[in-house]
């Protein structure tokens, strides 16, 4: 029997992802050669105290659990929208931890980000430099296009082959043929160039992409296999004839602060989750998860936070900072009130004047 929900939101790690039913026939991918999922400790950068703490303390709502499971079952990206500080980017770390999906791959979007940045990076200048060094080596007589020297793939030892100067990006790594889904965060997609959401459509729909530099070089080798670096690790993975196709579609979370609208073609290919500001019960759960049982002053701050949130944008971490200092600083009540007001300014431009 299939398991629903696979993601439970309890923050207890388990292997329920193995119980995920077969994908819809239009989302069934068959990439290879199959790669084992990396160990959770493979990417040391993914284990910062901030990311680990967010994964362990995330408080998922019932709606969040339902839509995460919908995205997992349908093999569709999850578009998470909402105001700042509502836990959009923390969600992917919580899901990856509970379902043991390994280190989270992260792609931070700017106005200059392109699809190519997410797929792979290739440095032709460093390759040219390596090829010149190899050509100048005493006793070296081969050219740069032979299959065993500077231009070859699959076993070059001189460092001038294409594969030595190419690294997969976070999106490109997520689409490798792993035996279980990788977790990918595409953070703040609404900051991108207008074309990026449309550029993502084909890759996320097809679950595959090509690396033209490796496609051309593969014609020079019998097996066409290049060993390239994946994102977040110094280990190499095989790419056959320059083509990458996933096997288990990754768990992709795209976050947006709602600063722009997306084209209908993009939206219909995503499962959309809108996170709202938490209510008093949910805020108390969040405080409890991060800082322990809220005391009387913490509950007062929660009430003030909620009463002010309707007049402008506030983030939950502002409240957590105020409660932490209230417990740790040893200040009198008046000083605490002034400090809390300074720690919880409105983040948006719609704020109205009020009394803290």
C-alpha atoms as a PDB file:
ATOM      1  CA  UNK A   1       0.000   0.000   0.000  1.00  0.00           C
ATOM      2  CA  UNK A   2       1.337   3.472  -0.811  1.00  0.00           C
ATOM      3  CA  UNK A   3       2.145   5.683   2.137  1.00  0.00           C
ATOM      4  CA  UNK A   4       0.300   8.993   2.554  1.00  0.00           C
ATOM      5  CA  UNK A   5       1.627  11.234   3.820  1.00  0.00           C
ATOM      6  CA  UNK A   6       5.232  10.452   2.946  1.00  0.00           C
ATOM      7  CA  UNK A   7       6.276  13.737   4.520  1.00  0.00           C
ATOM      8  CA  UNK A   8       4.583  13.974   7.917  1.00  0.00           C
ATOM      9  CA  UNK A   9       5.956  17.254   9.287  1.00  0.00           C
ATOM     10  CA  UNK A  10       6.933  15.567  12.565  1.00  0.00           C
ATOM     11  CA  UNK A  11      10.677  16.233  12.095  1.00  0.00           C
ATOM     12  CA  UNK A  12      11.404  12.543  12.730  1.00  0.00           C
ATOM     13  CA  UNK A  13      13.733  11.151  10.011  1.00  0.00           C
ATOM     14  CA  UNK A  14      12.523   8.017   8.225  1.00  0.00           C
ATOM     15  CA  UNK A  15      12.791   6.163   4.901  1.00  0.00           C
ATOM     16  CA  UNK A  16       9.193   6.675   3.818  1.00  0.00           C
ATOM     17  CA  UNK A  17      10.397   8.026   0.470  1.00  0.00           C
ATOM     18  CA  UNK A  18      10.935   4.382  -0.503  1.00  0.00           C
ATOM     19  CA  UNK A  19       7.151   3.881  -0.204  1.00  0.00           C
ATOM     20  CA  UNK A  20       6.372   6.576  -2.746  1.00  0.00           C
ATOM     21  CA  UNK A  21       4.157   5.042  -5.457  1.00  0.00           C
ATOM     22  CA  UNK A  22       5.138   4.958  -9.098  1.00  0.00           C
ATOM     23  CA  UNK A  23       4.938   8.371 -10.778  1.00  0.00           C
ATOM     24  CA  UNK A  24       2.215   9.349 -13.247  1.00  0.00           C
ATOM     25  CA  UNK A  25       3.109   7.957 -16.683  1.00  0.00           C
ATOM     26  CA  UNK A  26       3.832  11.472 -17.972  1.00  0.00           C
ATOM     27  CA  UNK A  27       6.352  12.019 -15.143  1.00  0.00           C
ATOM     28  CA  UNK A  28       8.172   8.664 -15.331  1.00  0.00           C
ATOM     29  CA  UNK A  29      11.905   9.215 -15.899  1.00  0.00           C
ATOM     30  CA  UNK A  30      14.494   6.560 -16.761  1.00  0.00           C
ATOM     31  CA  UNK A  31      17.898   8.231 -16.598  1.00  0.00           C
ATOM     32  CA  UNK A  32      21.076   6.316 -15.970  1.00  0.00           C
ATOM     33  CA  UNK A  33      23.544   5.055 -14.987  1.00  0.00           C
ATOM     34  CA  UNK A  34      21.835   5.075 -11.595  1.00  0.00           C
ATOM     35  CA  UNK A  35      23.726   6.912  -8.861  1.00  0.00           C
ATOM     36  CA  UNK A  36      23.383   6.283  -5.115  1.00  0.00           C
ATOM     37  CA  UNK A  37      22.038   9.207  -3.137  1.00  0.00           C
ATOM     38  CA  UNK A  38      24.856  11.064  -1.351  1.00  0.00           C
ATOM     39  CA  UNK A  39      25.213  10.800   2.381  1.00  0.00           C
ATOM     40  CA  UNK A  40      23.770  13.668   4.387  1.00  0.00           C
ATOM     41  CA  UNK A  41      27.300  14.582   5.528  1.00  0.00           C
ATOM     42  CA  UNK A  42      28.709  14.707   1.978  1.00  0.00           C
ATOM     43  CA  UNK A  43      28.351  18.497   1.654  1.00  0.00           C
ATOM     44  CA  UNK A  44      29.880  20.222   4.677  1.00  0.00           C
ATOM     45  CA  UNK A  45      28.501  23.597   3.545  1.00  0.00           C
ATOM     46  CA  UNK A  46      24.979  22.217   3.891  1.00  0.00           C
ATOM     47  CA  UNK A  47      25.534  21.612   7.597  1.00  0.00           C
ATOM     48  CA  UNK A  48      25.783  25.142   8.897  1.00  0.00           C
ATOM     49  CA  UNK A  49      24.206  25.622  12.345  1.00  0.00           C
ATOM     50  CA  UNK A  50      21.499  27.810  10.803  1.00  0.00           C
ATOM     51  CA  UNK A  51      20.388  25.230   8.221  1.00  0.00           C
ATOM     52  CA  UNK A  52      20.538  22.347  10.690  1.00  0.00           C
ATOM     53  CA  UNK A  53      18.515  24.233  13.300  1.00  0.00           C
ATOM     54  CA  UNK A  54      15.873  25.277  10.749  1.00  0.00           C
ATOM     55  CA  UNK A  55      15.489  21.685   9.585  1.00  0.00           C
ATOM     56  CA  UNK A  56      15.064  20.366  13.119  1.00  0.00           C
ATOM     57  CA  UNK A  57      12.615  23.007  14.349  1.00  0.00           C
ATOM     58  CA  UNK A  58      10.388  23.679  11.322  1.00  0.00           C
ATOM     59  CA  UNK A  59       6.696  23.671  12.250  1.00  0.00           C
ATOM     60  CA  UNK A  60       4.658  22.571   9.241  1.00  0.00           C
ATOM     61  CA  UNK A  61       0.963  23.363   8.942  1.00  0.00           C
ATOM     62  CA  UNK A  62      -1.561  20.788   7.752  1.00  0.00           C
ATOM     63  CA  UNK A  63      -1.818  22.553   4.397  1.00  0.00           C
ATOM     64  CA  UNK A  64       1.976  22.504   4.022  1.00  0.00           C
ATOM     65  CA  UNK A  65       2.123  18.755   4.679  1.00  0.00           C
ATOM     66  CA  UNK A  66      -0.626  18.076   2.135  1.00  0.00           C
ATOM     67  CA  UNK A  67       0.929  20.136  -0.658  1.00  0.00           C
ATOM     68  CA  UNK A  68       4.465  18.846  -0.066  1.00  0.00           C
ATOM     69  CA  UNK A  69       3.097  15.331  -0.480  1.00  0.00           C
ATOM     70  CA  UNK A  70       1.188  16.361  -3.588  1.00  0.00           C
ATOM     71  CA  UNK A  71       4.437  17.645  -5.122  1.00  0.00           C
ATOM     72  CA  UNK A  72       6.261  14.438  -4.158  1.00  0.00           C
ATOM     73  CA  UNK A  73       3.556  12.165  -5.577  1.00  0.00           C
ATOM     74  CA  UNK A  74       3.126  14.149  -8.801  1.00  0.00           C
ATOM     75  CA  UNK A  75       6.880  14.733  -9.285  1.00  0.00           C
ATOM     76  CA  UNK A  76       6.218  18.447  -9.684  1.00  0.00           C
ATOM     77  CA  UNK A  77       8.096  21.505  -8.355  1.00  0.00           C
ATOM     78  CA  UNK A  78       6.617  23.209  -5.293  1.00  0.00           C
ATOM     79  CA  UNK A  79       6.237  26.979  -5.635  1.00  0.00           C
ATOM     80  CA  UNK A  80       6.152  28.478  -2.129  1.00  0.00           C
ATOM     81  CA  UNK A  81       4.972  32.075  -1.834  1.00  0.00           C
ATOM     82  CA  UNK A  82       4.410  34.350   1.137  1.00  0.00           C
ATOM     83  CA  UNK A  83       5.785  37.340   3.023  1.00  0.00           C
ATOM     84  CA  UNK A  84       9.359  37.340   4.355  1.00  0.00           C
ATOM     85  CA  UNK A  85      10.006  35.338   7.493  1.00  0.00           C
ATOM     86  CA  UNK A  86       7.251  32.748   7.048  1.00  0.00           C
ATOM     87  CA  UNK A  87       9.634  29.801   6.593  1.00  0.00           C
ATOM     88  CA  UNK A  88       9.614  29.421   2.816  1.00  0.00           C
ATOM     89  CA  UNK A  89      13.237  28.407   2.433  1.00  0.00           C
ATOM     90  CA  UNK A  90      13.306  26.465   5.713  1.00  0.00           C
ATOM     91  CA  UNK A  91      10.700  24.042   4.381  1.00  0.00           C
ATOM     92  CA  UNK A  92      13.046  22.270   1.964  1.00  0.00           C
ATOM     93  CA  UNK A  93      15.583  21.617   4.744  1.00  0.00           C
ATOM     94  CA  UNK A  94      12.892  20.123   6.956  1.00  0.00           C
ATOM     95  CA  UNK A  95      11.637  17.831   4.176  1.00  0.00           C
ATOM     96  CA  UNK A  96      15.157  16.751   3.209  1.00  0.00           C
ATOM     97  CA  UNK A  97      15.987  15.917   6.822  1.00  0.00           C
ATOM     98  CA  UNK A  98      12.803  13.955   7.512  1.00  0.00           C
ATOM     99  CA  UNK A  99      12.925  11.971   4.243  1.00  0.00           C
ATOM    100  CA  UNK A 100      16.726  11.538   4.282  1.00  0.00           C
ATOM    101  CA  UNK A 101      17.204  13.111   0.869  1.00  0.00           C
ATOM    102  CA  UNK A 102      20.811  14.115   1.547  1.00  0.00           C
ATOM    103  CA  UNK A 103      22.324  17.612   1.441  1.00  0.00           C
ATOM    104  CA  UNK A 104      20.058  20.330   0.083  1.00  0.00           C
ATOM    105  CA  UNK A 105      21.217  21.838  -3.200  1.00  0.00           C
ATOM    106  CA  UNK A 106      20.716  25.601  -3.169  1.00  0.00           C
ATOM    107  CA  UNK A 107      20.484  28.063  -6.052  1.00  0.00           C
ATOM    108  CA  UNK A 108      20.161  31.685  -4.923  1.00  0.00           C
ATOM    109  CA  UNK A 109      18.538  33.714  -7.693  1.00  0.00           C
ATOM    110  CA  UNK A 110      19.523  37.256  -8.645  1.00  0.00           C
ATOM    111  CA  UNK A 111      18.472  39.506 -11.517  1.00  0.00           C
ATOM    112  CA  UNK A 112      21.476  38.209 -13.462  1.00  0.00           C
ATOM    113  CA  UNK A 113      20.823  34.482 -12.967  1.00  0.00           C
ATOM    114  CA  UNK A 114      20.390  32.370 -16.090  1.00  0.00           C
ATOM    115  CA  UNK A 115      19.378  28.767 -16.692  1.00  0.00           C
ATOM    116  CA  UNK A 116      22.974  28.017 -17.669  1.00  0.00           C
ATOM    117  CA  UNK A 117      24.141  29.093 -14.182  1.00  0.00           C
ATOM    118  CA  UNK A 118      21.900  26.525 -12.556  1.00  0.00           C
ATOM    119  CA  UNK A 119      22.861  23.688 -14.905  1.00  0.00           C
ATOM    120  CA  UNK A 120      26.654  23.903 -15.105  1.00  0.00           C
ATOM    121  CA  UNK A 121      29.669  26.185 -15.283  1.00  0.00           C
ATOM    122  CA  UNK A 122      32.482  25.702 -17.787  1.00  0.00           C
ATOM    123  CA  UNK A 123      35.750  27.650 -17.734  1.00  0.00           C
ATOM    124  CA  UNK A 124      37.332  27.558 -21.212  1.00  0.00           C
ATOM    125  CA  UNK A 125      40.163  29.903 -20.223  1.00  0.00           C
ATOM    126  CA  UNK A 126      41.449  27.604 -17.492  1.00  0.00           C
ATOM    127  CA  UNK A 127      41.257  24.712 -19.938  1.00  0.00           C
ATOM    128  CA  UNK A 128      43.260  26.660 -22.530  1.00  0.00           C
ATOM    129  CA  UNK A 129      45.890  27.447 -19.909  1.00  0.00           C
ATOM    130  CA  UNK A 130      46.090  23.769 -18.887  1.00  0.00           C
ATOM    131  CA  UNK A 131      46.388  22.702 -22.534  1.00  0.00           C
ATOM    132  CA  UNK A 132      49.269  25.117 -23.117  1.00  0.00           C
ATOM    133  CA  UNK A 133      51.048  23.859 -20.035  1.00  0.00           C
ATOM    134  CA  UNK A 134      50.586  20.283 -21.221  1.00  0.00           C
ATOM    135  CA  UNK A 135      51.857  21.122 -24.714  1.00  0.00           C
ATOM    136  CA  UNK A 136      54.965  22.705 -23.201  1.00  0.00           C
ATOM    137  CA  UNK A 137      55.763  19.670 -21.077  1.00  0.00           C
ATOM    138  CA  UNK A 138      59.049  17.996 -22.123  1.00  0.00           C
ATOM    139  CA  UNK A 139      58.426  14.939 -24.292  1.00  0.00           C
ATOM    140  CA  UNK A 140      54.811  15.871 -25.004  1.00  0.00           C
ATOM    141  CA  UNK A 141      54.020  15.475 -28.717  1.00  0.00           C
ATOM    142  CA  UNK A 142      50.218  14.857 -28.837  1.00  0.00           C
ATOM    143  CA  UNK A 143      47.670  17.500 -29.811  1.00  0.00           C
ATOM    144  CA  UNK A 144      44.753  18.745 -27.821  1.00  0.00           C
ATOM    145  CA  UNK A 145      42.153  16.631 -29.590  1.00  0.00           C
ATOM    146  CA  UNK A 146      43.425  13.098 -28.984  1.00  0.00           C
ATOM    147  CA  UNK A 147      41.369  10.793 -26.841  1.00  0.00           C
ATOM    148  CA  UNK A 148      43.988  10.249 -24.170  1.00  0.00           C
ATOM    149  CA  UNK A 149      45.443  13.704 -23.786  1.00  0.00           C
ATOM    150  CA  UNK A 150      44.357  17.282 -23.383  1.00  0.00           C
ATOM    151  CA  UNK A 151      41.131  17.151 -25.319  1.00  0.00           C
ATOM    152  CA  UNK A 152      39.898  13.698 -24.389  1.00  0.00           C
ATOM    153  CA  UNK A 153      37.454  12.494 -21.774  1.00  0.00           C
ATOM    154  CA  UNK A 154      37.247   9.467 -19.573  1.00  0.00           C
ATOM    155  CA  UNK A 155      40.653   9.019 -18.028  1.00  0.00           C
ATOM    156  CA  UNK A 156      42.628  12.145 -18.912  1.00  0.00           C
ATOM    157  CA  UNK A 157      45.312  12.698 -16.350  1.00  0.00           C
ATOM    158  CA  UNK A 158      46.873  15.939 -17.560  1.00  0.00           C
ATOM    159  CA  UNK A 159      44.060  18.165 -16.287  1.00  0.00           C
ATOM    160  CA  UNK A 160      43.262  19.763 -19.633  1.00  0.00           C
ATOM    161  CA  UNK A 161      40.254  17.669 -20.642  1.00  0.00           C
ATOM    162  CA  UNK A 162      36.901  19.446 -20.725  1.00  0.00           C
ATOM    163  CA  UNK A 163      35.607  17.499 -17.746  1.00  0.00           C
ATOM    164  CA  UNK A 164      38.354  18.959 -15.540  1.00  0.00           C
ATOM    165  CA  UNK A 165      37.068  22.488 -16.132  1.00  0.00           C
ATOM    166  CA  UNK A 166      33.346  21.903 -15.832  1.00  0.00           C
ATOM    167  CA  UNK A 167      31.189  21.639 -12.723  1.00  0.00           C
ATOM    168  CA  UNK A 168      27.486  20.927 -12.524  1.00  0.00           C
ATOM    169  CA  UNK A 169      25.343  23.585 -10.875  1.00  0.00           C
ATOM    170  CA  UNK A 170      22.646  22.929  -8.256  1.00  0.00           C
ATOM    171  CA  UNK A 171      19.885  22.342 -10.823  1.00  0.00           C
ATOM    172  CA  UNK A 172      22.181  20.260 -13.014  1.00  0.00           C
ATOM    173  CA  UNK A 173      23.183  18.122 -10.031  1.00  0.00           C
ATOM    174  CA  UNK A 174      19.588  17.650  -8.863  1.00  0.00           C
ATOM    175  CA  UNK A 175      18.709  16.173 -12.277  1.00  0.00           C
ATOM    176  CA  UNK A 176      21.403  13.490 -12.146  1.00  0.00           C
ATOM    177  CA  UNK A 177      19.970   9.934 -12.173  1.00  0.00           C
ATOM    178  CA  UNK A 178      19.988   9.380  -8.415  1.00  0.00           C
ATOM    179  CA  UNK A 179      18.090   6.425  -6.997  1.00  0.00           C
ATOM    180  CA  UNK A 180      16.086   8.725  -4.715  1.00  0.00           C
ATOM    181  CA  UNK A 181      15.092  12.376  -5.107  1.00  0.00           C
ATOM    182  CA  UNK A 182      17.553  15.138  -4.314  1.00  0.00           C
ATOM    183  CA  UNK A 183      16.256  18.278  -2.593  1.00  0.00           C
ATOM    184  CA  UNK A 184      16.768  21.542  -4.489  1.00  0.00           C
ATOM    185  CA  UNK A 185      16.008  25.070  -3.269  1.00  0.00           C
ATOM    186  CA  UNK A 186      15.628  27.728  -5.979  1.00  0.00           C
ATOM    187  CA  UNK A 187      15.456  30.722  -3.684  1.00  0.00           C
ATOM    188  CA  UNK A 188      13.645  33.985  -4.544  1.00  0.00           C
ATOM    189  CA  UNK A 189      12.696  33.132  -8.115  1.00  0.00           C
ATOM    190  CA  UNK A 190      10.744  36.396  -8.263  1.00  0.00           C
ATOM    191  CA  UNK A 191      14.069  38.305  -8.340  1.00  0.00           C
ATOM    192  CA  UNK A 192      15.026  36.684 -11.631  1.00  0.00           C
ATOM    193  CA  UNK A 193      15.094  38.077 -15.125  1.00  0.00           C
ATOM    194  CA  UNK A 194      11.679  37.861 -16.794  1.00  0.00           C
ATOM    195  CA  UNK A 195      12.847  34.990 -19.008  1.00  0.00           C
ATOM    196  CA  UNK A 196      14.143  32.605 -16.338  1.00  0.00           C
ATOM    197  CA  UNK A 197      10.790  31.036 -15.291  1.00  0.00           C
ATOM    198  CA  UNK A 198      10.027  30.264 -18.941  1.00  0.00           C
ATOM    199  CA  UNK A 199      13.559  28.939 -19.460  1.00  0.00           C
ATOM    200  CA  UNK A 200      13.054  26.563 -16.539  1.00  0.00           C
ATOM    201  CA  UNK A 201       9.869  25.127 -18.048  1.00  0.00           C
ATOM    202  CA  UNK A 202      11.433  22.714 -20.495  1.00  0.00           C
ATOM    203  CA  UNK A 203      14.135  21.432 -18.132  1.00  0.00           C
ATOM    204  CA  UNK A 204      11.706  20.805 -15.266  1.00  0.00           C
ATOM    205  CA  UNK A 205       9.126  19.294 -17.610  1.00  0.00           C
ATOM    206  CA  UNK A 206      11.554  16.975 -19.396  1.00  0.00           C
ATOM    207  CA  UNK A 207      13.781  16.220 -16.418  1.00  0.00           C
ATOM    208  CA  UNK A 208      16.862  16.381 -18.628  1.00  0.00           C
ATOM    209  CA  UNK A 209      19.377  18.668 -20.323  1.00  0.00           C
ATOM    210  CA  UNK A 210      22.471  18.599 -22.527  1.00  0.00           C
ATOM    211  CA  UNK A 211      25.964  19.957 -22.027  1.00  0.00           C
ATOM    212  CA  UNK A 212      27.011  20.948 -25.572  1.00  0.00           C
ATOM    213  CA  UNK A 213      30.723  21.002 -24.741  1.00  0.00           C
ATOM    214  CA  UNK A 214      30.567  17.356 -23.602  1.00  0.00           C
ATOM    215  CA  UNK A 215      28.315  16.327 -26.477  1.00  0.00           C
ATOM    216  CA  UNK A 216      30.961  17.508 -28.955  1.00  0.00           C
ATOM    217  CA  UNK A 217      33.869  16.003 -27.017  1.00  0.00           C
ATOM    218  CA  UNK A 218      32.081  12.635 -26.640  1.00  0.00           C
ATOM    219  CA  UNK A 219      32.538  11.994 -30.362  1.00  0.00           C
ATOM    220  CA  UNK A 220      36.257  11.591 -29.737  1.00  0.00           C
ATOM    221  CA  UNK A 221      35.953   8.766 -27.208  1.00  0.00           C
ATOM    222  CA  UNK A 222      34.591   5.213 -27.546  1.00  0.00           C
ATOM    223  CA  UNK A 223      32.267   5.298 -24.520  1.00  0.00           C
ATOM    224  CA  UNK A 224      31.582   9.046 -24.422  1.00  0.00           C
ATOM    225  CA  UNK A 225      31.699   9.112 -20.621  1.00  0.00           C
ATOM    226  CA  UNK A 226      32.973  12.198 -18.799  1.00  0.00           C
ATOM    227  CA  UNK A 227      33.541  12.291 -15.065  1.00  0.00           C
ATOM    228  CA  UNK A 228      32.492  15.756 -13.868  1.00  0.00           C
ATOM    229  CA  UNK A 229      32.238  17.464 -10.502  1.00  0.00           C
ATOM    230  CA  UNK A 230      28.775  17.758  -8.976  1.00  0.00           C
ATOM    231  CA  UNK A 231      27.595  20.748  -6.955  1.00  0.00           C
ATOM    232  CA  UNK A 232      28.488  20.744  -3.273  1.00  0.00           C
ATOM    233  CA  UNK A 233      31.086  17.960  -3.447  1.00  0.00           C
ATOM    234  CA  UNK A 234      34.545  17.163  -4.774  1.00  0.00           C
ATOM    235  CA  UNK A 235      33.405  13.766  -6.061  1.00  0.00           C
ATOM    236  CA  UNK A 236      32.936  13.141  -9.762  1.00  0.00           C
ATOM    237  CA  UNK A 237      29.867  11.660 -11.425  1.00  0.00           C
ATOM    238  CA  UNK A 238      29.583  10.103 -14.899  1.00  0.00           C
ATOM    239  CA  UNK A 239      27.844  11.971 -17.708  1.00  0.00           C
ATOM    240  CA  UNK A 240      27.255   9.878 -20.829  1.00  0.00           C
ATOM    241  CA  UNK A 241      27.633  11.643 -24.187  1.00  0.00           C
ATOM    242  CA  UNK A 242      26.949  15.010 -22.608  1.00  0.00           C
ATOM    243  CA  UNK A 243      23.336  14.218 -21.674  1.00  0.00           C
ATOM    244  CA  UNK A 244      21.849  14.200 -18.187  1.00  0.00           C
ATOM    245  CA  UNK A 245      18.419  12.704 -17.425  1.00  0.00           C
ATOM    246  CA  UNK A 246      16.980  12.176 -13.977  1.00  0.00           C
ATOM    247  CA  UNK A 247      15.572   8.921 -12.638  1.00  0.00           C
ATOM    248  CA  UNK A 248      13.944  10.096  -9.413  1.00  0.00           C
ATOM    249  CA  UNK A 249      12.585  13.591 -10.060  1.00  0.00           C
ATOM    250  CA  UNK A 250      14.055  15.932  -7.437  1.00  0.00           C
ATOM    251  CA  UNK A 251      12.034  17.636  -4.731  1.00  0.00           C
ATOM    252  CA  UNK A 252      12.262  21.190  -6.079  1.00  0.00           C
ATOM    253  CA  UNK A 253      11.148  24.143  -3.946  1.00  0.00           C
ATOM    254  CA  UNK A 254      10.969  27.565  -5.602  1.00  0.00           C
ATOM    255  CA  UNK A 255      10.377  30.450  -3.210  1.00  0.00           C
ATOM    256  CA  UNK A 256       8.828  33.828  -3.998  1.00  0.00           C
ATOM    257  CA  UNK A 257       8.063  36.884  -1.886  1.00  0.00           C
ATOM    258  CA  UNK A 258       5.236  37.771  -4.255  1.00  0.00           C
ATOM    259  CA  UNK A 259       7.093  40.633  -5.934  1.00  0.00           C
ATOM    260  CA  UNK A 260       5.942  39.569  -9.407  1.00  0.00           C
ATOM    261  CA  UNK A 261       3.481  37.379 -11.251  1.00  0.00           C
ATOM    262  CA  UNK A 262       4.503  34.251 -13.137  1.00  0.00           C
ATOM    263  CA  UNK A 263       3.282  33.111 -16.549  1.00  0.00           C
ATOM    264  CA  UNK A 264       0.368  30.630 -16.552  1.00  0.00           C
ATOM    265  CA  UNK A 265       2.483  27.992 -18.318  1.00  0.00           C
ATOM    266  CA  UNK A 266       4.925  28.098 -15.417  1.00  0.00           C
ATOM    267  CA  UNK A 267       2.245  28.032 -12.715  1.00  0.00           C
ATOM    268  CA  UNK A 268       0.390  25.037 -14.142  1.00  0.00           C
ATOM    269  CA  UNK A 269       3.570  22.972 -13.929  1.00  0.00           C
ATOM    270  CA  UNK A 270       3.984  23.699 -10.217  1.00  0.00           C
ATOM    271  CA  UNK A 271       2.143  22.807  -7.048  1.00  0.00           C
ATOM    272  CA  UNK A 272       1.595  26.164  -5.321  1.00  0.00           C
ATOM    273  CA  UNK A 273       1.714  26.692  -1.554  1.00  0.00           C
ATOM    274  CA  UNK A 274       1.042  30.101  -0.026  1.00  0.00           C
ATOM    275  CA  UNK A 275       2.399  30.553   3.495  1.00  0.00           C
ATOM    276  CA  UNK A 276       0.586  33.082   5.660  1.00  0.00           C
ATOM    277  CA  UNK A 277       1.650  34.785   8.845  1.00  0.00           C
ATOM    278  CA  UNK A 278       1.167  32.248  11.662  1.00  0.00           C
ATOM    279  CA  UNK A 279      -1.655  32.650  14.167  1.00  0.00           C
ATOM    280  CA  UNK A 280      -1.156  32.709  17.940  1.00  0.00           C
ATOM    281  CA  UNK A 281      -1.213  28.913  18.316  1.00  0.00           C
ATOM    282  CA  UNK A 282       1.257  28.367  15.521  1.00  0.00           C
ATOM    283  CA  UNK A 283       3.523  31.153  16.795  1.00  0.00           C
ATOM    284  CA  UNK A 284       3.586  29.529  20.231  1.00  0.00           C
ATOM    285  CA  UNK A 285       4.577  26.214  18.599  1.00  0.00           C
ATOM    286  CA  UNK A 286       7.372  27.943  16.684  1.00  0.00           C
ATOM    287  CA  UNK A 287       8.687  29.629  19.830  1.00  0.00           C
ATOM    288  CA  UNK A 288       8.472  26.321  21.717  1.00  0.00           C
ATOM    289  CA  UNK A 289      10.429  24.497  19.010  1.00  0.00           C
ATOM    290  CA  UNK A 290      13.207  27.106  18.937  1.00  0.00           C
ATOM    291  CA  UNK A 291      13.424  28.374  22.511  1.00  0.00           C
ATOM    292  CA  UNK A 292      11.357  26.093  24.726  1.00  0.00           C
ATOM    293  CA  UNK A 293       8.082  26.788  26.490  1.00  0.00           C
ATOM    294  CA  UNK A 294       7.151  30.496  26.157  1.00  0.00           C
ATOM    295  CA  UNK A 295       6.942  32.314  29.486  1.00  0.00           C
ATOM    296  CA  UNK A 296       4.553  35.125  30.378  1.00  0.00           C
ATOM    297  CA  UNK A 297       6.663  37.866  28.762  1.00  0.00           C
ATOM    298  CA  UNK A 298       7.163  35.772  25.633  1.00  0.00           C
ATOM    299  CA  UNK A 299       3.391  35.389  25.331  1.00  0.00           C
ATOM    300  CA  UNK A 300       3.050  39.155  25.730  1.00  0.00           C
ATOM    301  CA  UNK A 301       5.500  39.643  22.864  1.00  0.00           C
ATOM    302  CA  UNK A 302       3.553  37.133  20.760  1.00  0.00           C
ATOM    303  CA  UNK A 303       0.353  39.109  21.354  1.00  0.00           C
ATOM    304  CA  UNK A 304       2.078  42.394  20.436  1.00  0.00           C
ATOM    305  CA  UNK A 305       3.605  40.813  17.338  1.00  0.00           C
ATOM    306  CA  UNK A 306       0.178  39.628  16.181  1.00  0.00           C
ATOM    307  CA  UNK A 307      -1.523  42.941  16.913  1.00  0.00           C
ATOM    308  CA  UNK A 308       1.062  44.826  14.841  1.00  0.00           C
ATOM    309  CA  UNK A 309       1.322  42.368  11.947  1.00  0.00           C
ATOM    310  CA  UNK A 310      -1.811  43.688  10.244  1.00  0.00           C
ATOM    311  CA  UNK A 311      -0.247  47.125   9.751  1.00  0.00           C
ATOM    312  CA  UNK A 312       2.936  45.989   7.985  1.00  0.00           C
ATOM    313  CA  UNK A 313       5.291  43.105   7.254  1.00  0.00           C
ATOM    314  CA  UNK A 314       6.923  41.400  10.220  1.00  0.00           C
ATOM    315  CA  UNK A 315       9.056  38.244  10.194  1.00  0.00           C
ATOM    316  CA  UNK A 316       8.884  35.441  12.723  1.00  0.00           C
ATOM    317  CA  UNK A 317      12.624  35.552  13.350  1.00  0.00           C
ATOM    318  CA  UNK A 318      12.227  39.126  14.614  1.00  0.00           C
ATOM    319  CA  UNK A 319       9.936  37.782  17.322  1.00  0.00           C
ATOM    320  CA  UNK A 320      12.366  34.961  18.135  1.00  0.00           C
ATOM    321  CA  UNK A 321      15.228  37.454  18.492  1.00  0.00           C
ATOM    322  CA  UNK A 322      13.187  39.594  20.883  1.00  0.00           C
ATOM    323  CA  UNK A 323      12.150  36.612  23.027  1.00  0.00           C
ATOM    324  CA  UNK A 324      15.701  35.262  23.161  1.00  0.00           C
ATOM    325  CA  UNK A 325      17.090  38.594  24.379  1.00  0.00           C
ATOM    326  CA  UNK A 326      14.263  38.999  26.867  1.00  0.00           C
ATOM    327  CA  UNK A 327      15.326  35.693  28.436  1.00  0.00           C
ATOM    328  CA  UNK A 328      19.071  36.245  28.215  1.00  0.00           C
ATOM    329  CA  UNK A 329      19.833  39.933  28.724  1.00  0.00           C
ATOM    330  CA  UNK A 330      18.583  40.378  32.297  1.00  0.00           C
ATOM    331  CA  UNK A 331      17.025  43.787  31.561  1.00  0.00           C
ATOM    332  CA  UNK A 332      14.139  45.456  33.374  1.00  0.00           C
ATOM    333  CA  UNK A 333      10.669  45.510  31.823  1.00  0.00           C
ATOM    334  CA  UNK A 334      10.962  49.015  30.410  1.00  0.00           C
ATOM    335  CA  UNK A 335      14.286  48.288  28.732  1.00  0.00           C
ATOM    336  CA  UNK A 336      12.921  45.037  27.341  1.00  0.00           C
ATOM    337  CA  UNK A 337       9.966  46.837  25.781  1.00  0.00           C
ATOM    338  CA  UNK A 338      12.218  49.416  24.110  1.00  0.00           C
ATOM    339  CA  UNK A 339      14.579  46.716  22.850  1.00  0.00           C
ATOM    340  CA  UNK A 340      11.750  44.581  21.526  1.00  0.00           C
ATOM    341  CA  UNK A 341      10.355  47.564  19.615  1.00  0.00           C
ATOM    342  CA  UNK A 342      13.736  48.141  18.010  1.00  0.00           C
ATOM    343  CA  UNK A 343      14.071  44.463  17.082  1.00  0.00           C
ATOM    344  CA  UNK A 344      10.673  44.279  15.418  1.00  0.00           C
ATOM    345  CA  UNK A 345      10.472  47.174  12.935  1.00  0.00           C
ATOM    346  CA  UNK A 346       8.188  46.820   9.943  1.00  0.00           C
ATOM    347  CA  UNK A 347       9.913  45.330   6.914  1.00  0.00           C
ATOM    348  CA  UNK A 348       7.526  46.618   4.269  1.00  0.00           C
ATOM    349  CA  UNK A 349       6.593  50.104   3.124  1.00  0.00           C
ATOM    350  CA  UNK A 350       2.944  49.678   4.020  1.00  0.00           C
ATOM    351  CA  UNK A 351       3.499  50.108   7.737  1.00  0.00           C
ATOM    352  CA  UNK A 352       1.227  52.481   9.604  1.00  0.00           C
ATOM    353  CA  UNK A 353       2.281  54.365  12.678  1.00  0.00           C
ATOM    354  CA  UNK A 354       1.427  52.552  15.862  1.00  0.00           C
ATOM    355  CA  UNK A 355       2.356  52.317  19.501  1.00  0.00           C
ATOM    356  CA  UNK A 356       4.360  49.261  20.506  1.00  0.00           C
END
